[in-house]
Amino acid sequence: MPRQHFLFLGHQDLSGLVRGRSVPRERRKAALSAGLPWVPANYSIGPTNALPPDNPFGPLGEIRLFPDEQALVTLPAHDGRPAFDLVLCDGRMPDGSSWPYCPRTALKTALARLKDEAGLTMKVAFEHEFLVKGLDQVAHPAFSVSSGRNVSHLADQVMSTLAKAGIELEQFQAEYGQDQFEISSVPSDPLAAADRAILSMEVIRDCAKQLGLHATFLPKPDPTGVGSGVHIHFSLYRNGKAVTAAKDWVTDTAGAFTQGIIDHAETVLSFSCLTANSYLRFRPHSWVGSYVCLGVKNREAMIRLVPRKQAAGGSNPQASIEYRAADGTANLYLALAALIGAGLDGLKAMRQPVNVPTDPDGIPAAERKRMGLRHLPQSMADGMAAFRPQDAERWFTPGLVAAYMACRREDLRQFANADPHEAARILQKVY
């Protein structure tokens, strides 16, 4: 009898985790065609498997996970475990119609709004930082040959697995912190970029386990150590032409879009950083982007313009805008949809941002106030207090916002007053 080859139909839930169910080879064709039934409340299960008591689903209802075969990767067989295909899905009603709580569908809706309301399209790339525990090196010289070489067996296995799925990484490198590394994805349309980033994270976790290692994307595995973030690069296009930057500064279109993100920074943050652990990163002088502002090549700004080389006429066709206040706990579909929603609000107002060319923390407080600079929330409690549901409900269905915030309230209940080291110990096993 041939070895089994499972197919796992998964989705990234409201806590940024991939959950779903698997079928054996014999049921593969039927599952790919018709999907599998799923419990709506399962979208609300948190990292400790707790279900928020105020989730809007309760024990009622049924949806289906409908797979997208363009978002499929094969986790290879190893150590007696058979090969395992992971395919990402939309949550839909049993008849195939849209289900208003699905994060992947929310991103599709945001992209349609971007096109219909502003005539814009987008390309996105992610940079994910993460820690790999179990490597046999005493020191970790930042960005060094020895550190890169020491993780090369993991990098080789990851990139080989992804390549078979048609997913390419631009880099897999040693980062600044002890046992810290970073991957960068190739720019692509936002839905494909999110799918590929989610699959890449799962492949890294799986390949690390095969090698007796542990990979974690938790933002602060050590609350006193270096943090790991996710940098979301995006570029805007109109009729196929880049409209992000010219003469090393944002265009009026990109400027208004970015100002919208600045205006709604605290609400966007709730969709790009999910846990109490996330907020431990937002400290000055940590290159995280803890000040709400835009700066050219400024890593202390929440949003950094990367203009790259000018073309004839002064345009910057390869420019990207980098949103720095995200991490590996995020549901990437919702994070992107929130950025788009805030950006569309900005395009309606057409206000332009100022360039903050230096470390904002070094600017006198009175001048920061005059410039409208503010610090990102320093705790999850502060972040949730600053969250504006009336803004989020313009970007998402009200039901999705209610379900999402029920999850965040449960996170707050469990971890906001917990010992940060104990919380990190629990969460890094999951993220």
Protein backbone atom coordinates (compact mmCIF):
# COMPACT_ATOMS: atom_id res chain seq x y z
CA MET A 1 0.00 0.00 0.00
CA PRO A 2 1.46 3.41 -0.96
CA ARG A 3 2.21 5.88 1.81
CA GLN A 4 -0.54 8.33 2.60
CA HIS A 5 -0.36 11.91 1.32
CA PHE A 6 -2.67 14.23 3.22
CA LEU A 7 -4.26 17.47 2.04
CA PHE A 8 -4.82 20.15 4.71
CA LEU A 9 -7.39 22.84 3.95
CA GLY A 10 -6.40 25.81 6.09
CA HIS A 11 -7.16 29.45 6.74
CA GLN A 12 -5.43 32.16 8.74
CA ASP A 13 -7.81 32.89 11.59
CA LEU A 14 -8.52 36.00 13.65
CA SER A 15 -5.48 35.28 15.85
CA GLY A 16 -3.11 34.92 12.89
CA LEU A 17 -2.89 31.12 13.15
CA VAL A 18 -3.45 28.63 10.32
CA ARG A 19 -6.15 26.15 11.24
CA GLY A 20 -8.28 23.75 9.24
CA ARG A 21 -8.76 20.06 8.57
CA SER A 22 -7.11 17.41 6.44
CA VAL A 23 -8.27 14.61 4.17
CA PRO A 24 -6.45 11.51 2.89
CA ARG A 25 -5.40 11.07 -0.72
CA GLU A 26 -8.67 9.34 -1.60
CA ARG A 27 -10.72 12.44 -0.75
CA ARG A 28 -8.34 14.99 -2.26
CA LYS A 29 -10.21 15.59 -5.51
CA ALA A 30 -13.56 16.07 -3.79
CA ALA A 31 -12.09 18.44 -1.18
CA LEU A 32 -10.37 20.58 -3.80
CA SER A 33 -13.61 20.79 -5.76
CA ALA A 34 -16.21 21.32 -3.05
CA GLY A 35 -14.22 22.31 0.04
CA LEU A 36 -14.85 21.06 3.55
CA PRO A 37 -17.35 22.06 6.26
CA TRP A 38 -16.07 24.30 9.05
CA VAL A 39 -17.40 25.72 12.30
CA PRO A 40 -17.68 29.54 12.21
CA ALA A 41 -16.62 29.92 15.86
CA ASN A 42 -13.31 28.22 15.03
CA TYR A 43 -12.18 31.50 13.46
CA SER A 44 -12.20 32.96 16.99
CA ILE A 45 -10.07 30.33 18.76
CA GLY A 46 -7.09 32.05 20.36
CA PRO A 47 -3.43 31.02 20.73
CA THR A 48 -4.17 29.10 23.96
CA ASN A 49 -7.23 27.46 22.36
CA ALA A 50 -9.59 29.63 24.36
CA LEU A 51 -12.81 30.74 22.66
CA PRO A 52 -13.85 34.31 23.55
CA PRO A 53 -17.14 34.13 25.48
CA ASP A 54 -18.48 37.13 23.52
CA ASN A 55 -17.61 35.77 20.08
CA PRO A 56 -20.55 36.39 17.71
CA PHE A 57 -20.86 32.81 16.48
CA GLY A 58 -21.46 30.58 19.49
CA PRO A 59 -22.40 26.98 18.65
CA LEU A 60 -24.48 27.90 15.61
CA GLY A 61 -23.99 27.77 11.87
CA GLU A 62 -21.74 26.11 9.35
CA ILE A 63 -19.53 27.40 6.57
CA ARG A 64 -17.13 25.74 4.13
CA LEU A 65 -13.43 26.14 3.48
CA PHE A 66 -13.02 26.55 -0.28
CA PRO A 67 -9.39 26.01 -1.37
CA ASP A 68 -7.37 28.12 -3.80
CA GLU A 69 -4.92 25.79 -5.55
CA GLN A 70 -2.73 28.79 -6.41
CA ALA A 71 -1.91 28.91 -2.68
CA LEU A 72 -0.64 25.37 -2.11
CA VAL A 73 2.65 24.05 -0.79
CA THR A 74 3.84 20.51 -0.08
CA LEU A 75 5.50 19.88 3.28
CA PRO A 76 7.84 16.97 2.48
CA ALA A 77 7.81 13.56 4.15
CA HIS A 78 10.34 13.08 6.96
CA ASP A 79 11.00 10.85 9.96
CA GLY A 80 8.15 8.51 9.15
CA ARG A 81 5.67 11.35 8.61
CA PRO A 82 4.07 11.36 5.14
CA ALA A 83 4.04 14.35 2.82
CA PHE A 84 1.44 16.94 3.70
CA ASP A 85 -0.11 19.42 1.28
CA LEU A 86 -1.26 22.72 2.75
CA VAL A 87 -3.70 24.79 0.69
CA LEU A 88 -5.15 28.13 1.81
CA CYS A 89 -8.87 28.72 1.65
CA ASP A 90 -11.66 31.26 1.66
CA GLY A 91 -14.40 30.83 4.24
CA ARG A 92 -17.71 30.90 2.37
CA MET A 93 -21.31 29.98 2.88
CA PRO A 94 -22.19 26.37 1.99
CA ASP A 95 -23.59 27.50 -1.38
CA GLY A 96 -20.27 29.18 -2.22
CA SER A 97 -21.44 32.75 -1.63
CA SER A 98 -19.40 35.23 0.37
CA TRP A 99 -19.16 34.89 4.17
CA PRO A 100 -18.72 38.35 5.77
CA TYR A 101 -16.19 37.21 8.42
CA CYS A 102 -13.53 35.77 6.10
CA PRO A 103 -10.18 37.66 6.31
CA ARG A 104 -9.03 36.52 2.86
CA THR A 105 -12.29 37.77 1.35
CA ALA A 106 -11.88 41.04 3.26
CA LEU A 107 -8.58 41.63 1.47
CA LYS A 108 -10.17 40.87 -1.91
CA THR A 109 -12.90 43.40 -1.10
CA ALA A 110 -10.33 46.04 -0.09
CA LEU A 111 -8.43 45.54 -3.34
CA ALA A 112 -11.64 45.92 -5.34
CA ARG A 113 -12.35 49.19 -3.48
CA LEU A 114 -8.83 50.43 -4.19
CA LYS A 115 -9.38 49.85 -7.89
CA ASP A 116 -12.97 51.10 -8.08
CA GLU A 117 -12.68 54.16 -5.84
CA ALA A 118 -9.14 55.31 -6.61
CA GLY A 119 -8.15 53.61 -9.87
CA LEU A 120 -5.13 52.11 -8.12
CA THR A 121 -3.48 48.74 -7.89
CA MET A 122 -0.76 47.63 -5.52
CA LYS A 123 2.28 45.42 -5.22
CA VAL A 124 3.37 44.12 -1.82
CA ALA A 125 6.42 42.41 -0.35
CA PHE A 126 7.01 41.22 3.21
CA GLU A 127 10.14 41.07 5.34
CA HIS A 128 9.67 38.63 8.22
CA GLU A 129 12.13 38.48 11.12
CA PHE A 130 12.17 35.37 13.31
CA LEU A 131 14.30 33.44 15.79
CA VAL A 132 15.67 29.92 15.33
CA LYS A 133 16.46 28.08 18.56
CA GLY A 134 18.74 25.04 18.71
CA LEU A 135 21.55 26.15 16.41
CA ASP A 136 24.99 24.99 17.54
CA GLN A 137 26.77 28.31 17.77
CA VAL A 138 27.92 30.13 20.87
CA ALA A 139 27.91 33.60 19.36
CA HIS A 140 25.78 35.16 16.64
CA PRO A 141 27.73 37.96 14.97
CA ALA A 142 25.04 40.09 13.33
CA PHE A 143 24.79 39.71 9.55
CA SER A 144 27.98 37.59 9.53
CA VAL A 145 29.18 34.81 7.26
CA SER A 146 29.32 32.38 10.18
CA SER A 147 25.74 33.12 11.24
CA GLY A 148 24.46 32.82 7.69
CA ARG A 149 26.41 29.61 7.19
CA ASN A 150 25.10 28.14 10.43
CA VAL A 151 21.49 28.43 9.28
CA SER A 152 22.18 27.52 5.64
CA HIS A 153 20.90 23.95 6.03
CA LEU A 154 17.54 25.31 7.14
CA ALA A 155 17.56 27.98 4.44
CA ASP A 156 18.34 25.37 1.78
CA GLN A 157 15.47 23.12 2.85
CA VAL A 158 13.03 26.02 3.12
CA MET A 159 13.87 27.51 -0.24
CA SER A 160 13.79 24.12 -1.96
CA THR A 161 10.34 23.36 -0.52
CA LEU A 162 9.00 26.78 -1.50
CA ALA A 163 10.50 26.61 -4.99
CA LYS A 164 8.52 23.46 -5.72
CA ALA A 165 5.39 25.50 -4.98
CA GLY A 166 6.53 28.34 -7.23
CA ILE A 167 7.34 30.62 -4.28
CA GLU A 168 10.59 32.59 -4.43
CA LEU A 169 12.38 34.40 -1.63
CA GLU A 170 14.67 37.35 -2.30
CA GLN A 171 16.79 36.56 0.75
CA PHE A 172 17.22 34.39 3.82
CA GLN A 173 19.81 36.06 6.00
CA ALA A 174 21.21 36.41 9.49
CA GLU A 175 19.79 39.42 11.31
CA TYR A 176 20.88 41.60 14.22
CA GLY A 177 19.69 39.64 17.25
CA GLN A 178 20.96 36.41 18.76
CA ASP A 179 19.56 33.50 16.70
CA GLN A 180 17.59 36.01 14.59
CA PHE A 181 17.08 35.71 10.83
CA GLU A 182 15.02 37.36 8.12
CA ILE A 183 13.31 36.38 4.90
CA SER A 184 12.20 38.77 2.18
CA SER A 185 9.55 37.95 -0.39
CA VAL A 186 9.36 38.98 -4.04
CA PRO A 187 6.90 41.85 -4.72
CA SER A 188 3.59 40.64 -6.11
CA ASP A 189 -0.11 41.40 -6.01
CA PRO A 190 -1.31 41.70 -2.39
CA LEU A 191 -3.38 38.51 -2.20
CA ALA A 192 -0.58 36.36 -3.63
CA ALA A 193 1.95 38.16 -1.41
CA ALA A 194 -0.07 37.39 1.72
CA ASP A 195 -0.67 33.77 0.69
CA ARG A 196 3.02 33.21 -0.04
CA ALA A 197 4.13 34.85 3.20
CA ILE A 198 1.77 32.67 5.25
CA LEU A 199 2.92 29.53 3.45
CA SER A 200 6.57 30.56 3.89
CA MET A 201 6.12 30.91 7.65
CA GLU A 202 4.56 27.45 7.88
CA VAL A 203 7.35 25.94 5.76
CA ILE A 204 10.01 27.54 7.98
CA ARG A 205 8.36 26.14 11.11
CA ASP A 206 8.01 22.69 9.55
CA CYS A 207 11.54 22.53 8.14
CA ALA A 208 12.98 23.71 11.45
CA LYS A 209 11.21 20.85 13.24
CA GLN A 210 12.64 18.38 10.73
CA LEU A 211 16.13 19.58 11.67
CA GLY A 212 15.54 19.50 15.43
CA LEU A 213 15.19 23.29 15.63
CA HIS A 214 12.43 25.64 16.71
CA ALA A 215 11.48 28.71 14.66
CA THR A 216 9.32 31.41 16.21
CA PHE A 217 7.87 34.59 14.70
CA LEU A 218 6.74 35.92 18.10
CA PRO A 219 7.73 39.62 18.28
CA LYS A 220 9.48 39.37 21.68
CA PRO A 221 10.44 35.79 22.65
CA ASP A 222 12.67 37.42 25.26
CA PRO A 223 10.88 40.52 26.60
CA THR A 224 14.27 42.13 27.32
CA GLY A 225 15.89 41.06 24.05
CA VAL A 226 15.78 42.04 20.40
CA GLY A 227 12.34 41.96 18.82
CA SER A 228 11.15 40.53 15.51
CA GLY A 229 8.85 42.46 13.22
CA VAL A 230 7.27 42.29 9.81
CA HIS A 231 7.94 45.11 7.39
CA ILE A 232 5.21 45.52 4.78
CA HIS A 233 6.49 47.15 1.59
CA PHE A 234 3.90 48.41 -0.87
CA SER A 235 3.92 50.37 -4.11
CA LEU A 236 0.97 52.03 -5.85
CA TYR A 237 0.18 51.91 -9.57
CA ARG A 238 -2.30 53.65 -11.85
CA ASN A 239 -2.88 52.15 -15.28
CA GLY A 240 0.24 50.07 -14.79
CA LYS A 241 2.46 53.08 -14.03
CA ALA A 242 4.15 53.47 -10.64
CA VAL A 243 2.81 56.46 -8.73
CA THR A 244 4.56 55.95 -5.38
CA ALA A 245 7.38 58.50 -5.46
CA ALA A 246 9.11 61.17 -7.52
CA LYS A 247 12.24 63.17 -6.75
CA ASP A 248 12.81 61.05 -3.64
CA TRP A 249 9.48 61.94 -2.04
CA VAL A 250 5.96 60.56 -2.16
CA THR A 251 3.63 61.70 -4.92
CA ASP A 252 0.44 63.53 -3.97
CA THR A 253 -1.44 60.26 -4.42
CA ALA A 254 0.92 58.18 -2.28
CA GLY A 255 1.27 61.03 0.19
CA ALA A 256 -2.47 61.23 0.80
CA PHE A 257 -2.68 57.44 1.05
CA THR A 258 0.14 57.42 3.60
CA GLN A 259 -1.37 60.29 5.58
CA GLY A 260 -4.53 58.22 5.90
CA ILE A 261 -2.50 55.46 7.56
CA ILE A 262 -0.91 58.04 9.86
CA ASP A 263 -4.30 59.48 10.79
CA HIS A 264 -5.65 56.00 11.60
CA ALA A 265 -2.41 54.54 12.96
CA GLU A 266 -3.80 53.20 16.24
CA THR A 267 -6.72 51.45 14.53
CA VAL A 268 -4.49 49.99 11.83
CA LEU A 269 -2.10 48.82 14.56
CA SER A 270 -4.79 46.61 16.09
CA PHE A 271 -4.80 44.63 12.83
CA SER A 272 -1.02 44.46 12.37
CA CYS A 273 -0.04 43.56 15.98
CA LEU A 274 -2.33 41.12 17.77
CA THR A 275 -0.88 40.31 21.19
CA ALA A 276 0.20 42.03 24.39
CA ASN A 277 3.69 40.76 23.57
CA SER A 278 3.60 42.82 20.36
CA TYR A 279 3.54 46.12 22.23
CA LEU A 280 6.82 45.40 24.02
CA ARG A 281 8.62 46.31 20.79
CA PHE A 282 7.44 49.91 20.54
CA ARG A 283 10.27 51.63 22.34
CA PRO A 284 12.40 54.53 21.06
CA HIS A 285 15.83 53.86 19.54
CA SER A 286 14.94 50.26 18.68
CA TRP A 287 14.52 50.75 14.90
CA VAL A 288 10.95 49.53 15.17
CA GLY A 289 9.15 52.65 13.95
CA SER A 290 7.42 53.53 17.19
CA TYR A 291 6.62 57.13 16.21
CA VAL A 292 3.60 57.79 14.00
CA CYS A 293 5.14 59.60 11.05
CA LEU A 294 6.70 59.20 7.61
CA GLY A 295 10.43 59.58 7.01
CA VAL A 296 12.64 59.06 4.00
CA LYS A 297 14.90 56.09 4.82
CA ASN A 298 14.10 56.66 8.52
CA ARG A 299 13.86 53.41 10.51
CA GLU A 300 12.54 55.17 13.61
CA ALA A 301 9.43 56.26 11.69
CA MET A 302 6.36 54.05 11.60
CA ILE A 303 6.35 54.49 7.81
CA ARG A 304 9.58 54.69 5.83
CA LEU A 305 9.88 55.80 2.21
CA VAL A 306 12.45 53.81 0.29
CA PRO A 307 12.86 55.86 -2.91
CA ARG A 308 15.62 53.85 -4.61
CA LYS A 309 17.12 55.08 -7.88
CA GLN A 310 15.58 57.97 -9.80
CA ALA A 311 14.67 57.47 -13.44
CA ALA A 312 14.68 60.05 -16.21
CA GLY A 313 12.37 62.91 -15.26
CA GLY A 314 12.88 62.34 -11.56
CA SER A 315 10.39 59.53 -10.96
CA ASN A 316 11.22 56.69 -8.59
CA PRO A 317 9.63 53.68 -10.34
CA GLN A 318 11.12 51.15 -7.91
CA ALA A 319 10.15 53.05 -4.77
CA SER A 320 8.24 51.40 -1.95
CA ILE A 321 6.53 52.60 1.20
CA GLU A 322 7.44 50.47 4.19
CA TYR A 323 4.97 50.06 7.06
CA ARG A 324 7.08 48.93 10.02
CA ALA A 325 4.55 48.46 12.85
CA ALA A 326 3.58 44.86 12.11
CA ASP A 327 4.76 41.51 13.42
CA GLY A 328 4.46 37.76 12.97
CA THR A 329 1.25 37.43 14.99
CA ALA A 330 -0.77 39.40 12.42
CA ASN A 331 -3.44 38.07 10.14
CA LEU A 332 -1.77 39.35 6.98
CA TYR A 333 -5.00 39.65 5.00
CA LEU A 334 -6.53 41.93 7.63
CA ALA A 335 -3.32 43.94 8.08
CA LEU A 336 -3.20 44.69 4.35
CA ALA A 337 -6.93 45.41 4.18
CA ALA A 338 -6.62 47.86 7.09
CA LEU A 339 -3.73 49.67 5.38
CA ILE A 340 -5.82 49.95 2.21
CA GLY A 341 -8.90 51.12 4.10
CA ALA A 342 -6.95 53.81 5.94
CA GLY A 343 -5.20 54.80 2.71
CA LEU A 344 -8.51 55.22 0.89
CA ASP A 345 -9.74 57.46 3.71
CA GLY A 346 -6.56 59.48 3.21
CA LEU A 347 -7.19 59.80 -0.52
CA LYS A 348 -10.60 61.34 0.21
CA ALA A 349 -9.02 63.98 2.45
CA MET A 350 -5.90 64.53 0.24
CA ARG A 351 -3.81 65.81 3.14
CA GLN A 352 -0.07 65.47 2.71
CA PRO A 353 2.45 64.16 5.28
CA VAL A 354 5.64 65.87 6.34
CA ASN A 355 9.04 64.22 6.09
CA VAL A 356 10.62 63.42 9.45
CA PRO A 357 14.29 62.97 8.49
CA THR A 358 15.72 62.30 11.97
CA ASP A 359 15.01 60.15 15.02
CA PRO A 360 11.73 61.63 16.34
CA ASP A 361 12.75 60.95 19.92
CA GLY A 362 15.59 63.43 19.50
CA ILE A 363 13.24 66.23 18.47
CA PRO A 364 12.23 68.54 21.37
CA ALA A 365 8.80 67.69 22.75
CA ALA A 366 7.32 71.06 21.80
CA GLU A 367 8.49 70.65 18.22
CA ARG A 368 7.14 67.09 18.06
CA LYS A 369 3.77 68.41 19.19
CA ARG A 370 3.84 71.16 16.57
CA MET A 371 4.65 68.57 13.89
CA GLY A 372 1.83 66.32 15.07
CA LEU A 373 4.16 63.46 16.03
CA ARG A 374 2.90 60.92 18.53
CA HIS A 375 4.12 57.64 19.93
CA LEU A 376 2.42 54.35 19.20
CA PRO A 377 0.59 52.82 22.19
CA GLN A 378 2.94 51.25 24.71
CA SER A 379 0.59 48.48 25.83
CA MET A 380 -2.24 46.42 24.44
CA ALA A 381 -4.67 48.08 26.85
CA ASP A 382 -3.67 51.50 25.52
CA GLY A 383 -3.86 50.22 21.97
CA MET A 384 -7.40 48.90 22.39
CA ALA A 385 -8.47 52.12 24.10
CA ALA A 386 -7.27 54.06 21.05
CA PHE A 387 -8.99 51.69 18.59
CA ARG A 388 -11.79 53.41 16.66
CA PRO A 389 -14.45 50.87 15.62
CA GLN A 390 -16.28 53.45 13.51
CA ASP A 391 -13.19 53.69 11.29
CA ALA A 392 -12.63 49.93 11.10
CA GLU A 393 -16.26 49.38 10.15
CA ARG A 394 -15.69 51.46 7.01
CA TRP A 395 -12.95 49.04 5.99
CA PHE A 396 -14.55 45.75 7.06
CA THR A 397 -18.01 44.40 7.70
CA PRO A 398 -19.21 45.33 11.21
CA GLY A 399 -19.54 41.65 12.05
CA LEU A 400 -15.89 40.97 11.22
CA VAL A 401 -14.78 43.89 13.39
CA ALA A 402 -16.91 42.61 16.30
CA ALA A 403 -15.53 39.08 15.97
CA TYR A 404 -11.96 40.32 15.69
CA MET A 405 -12.17 42.60 18.72
CA ALA A 406 -13.72 39.80 20.80
CA CYS A 407 -10.50 37.88 20.15
CA ARG A 408 -8.37 40.85 21.15
CA ARG A 409 -10.32 41.31 24.39
CA GLU A 410 -9.66 37.66 25.23
CA ASP A 411 -5.94 38.17 24.50
CA LEU A 412 -5.98 41.19 26.78
CA ARG A 413 -7.73 39.26 29.53
CA GLN A 414 -5.22 36.41 29.39
CA PHE A 415 -1.94 38.23 28.92
CA ALA A 416 -2.06 41.96 29.64
CA ASN A 417 -1.33 41.46 33.36
CA ALA A 418 0.67 38.25 33.02
CA ASP A 419 4.38 38.06 33.63
CA PRO A 420 5.89 39.03 30.23
CA HIS A 421 8.44 36.21 30.35
CA GLU A 422 5.80 33.58 31.09
CA ALA A 423 3.51 34.96 28.39
CA ALA A 424 6.39 34.87 25.90
CA ARG A 425 7.22 31.29 26.87
CA ILE A 426 3.64 30.24 26.08
CA LEU A 427 3.17 32.26 22.91
CA GLN A 428 6.47 31.41 21.22
CA LYS A 429 5.36 27.78 21.13
CA VAL A 430 2.44 28.85 18.96
CA TYR A 431 3.75 31.76 16.89
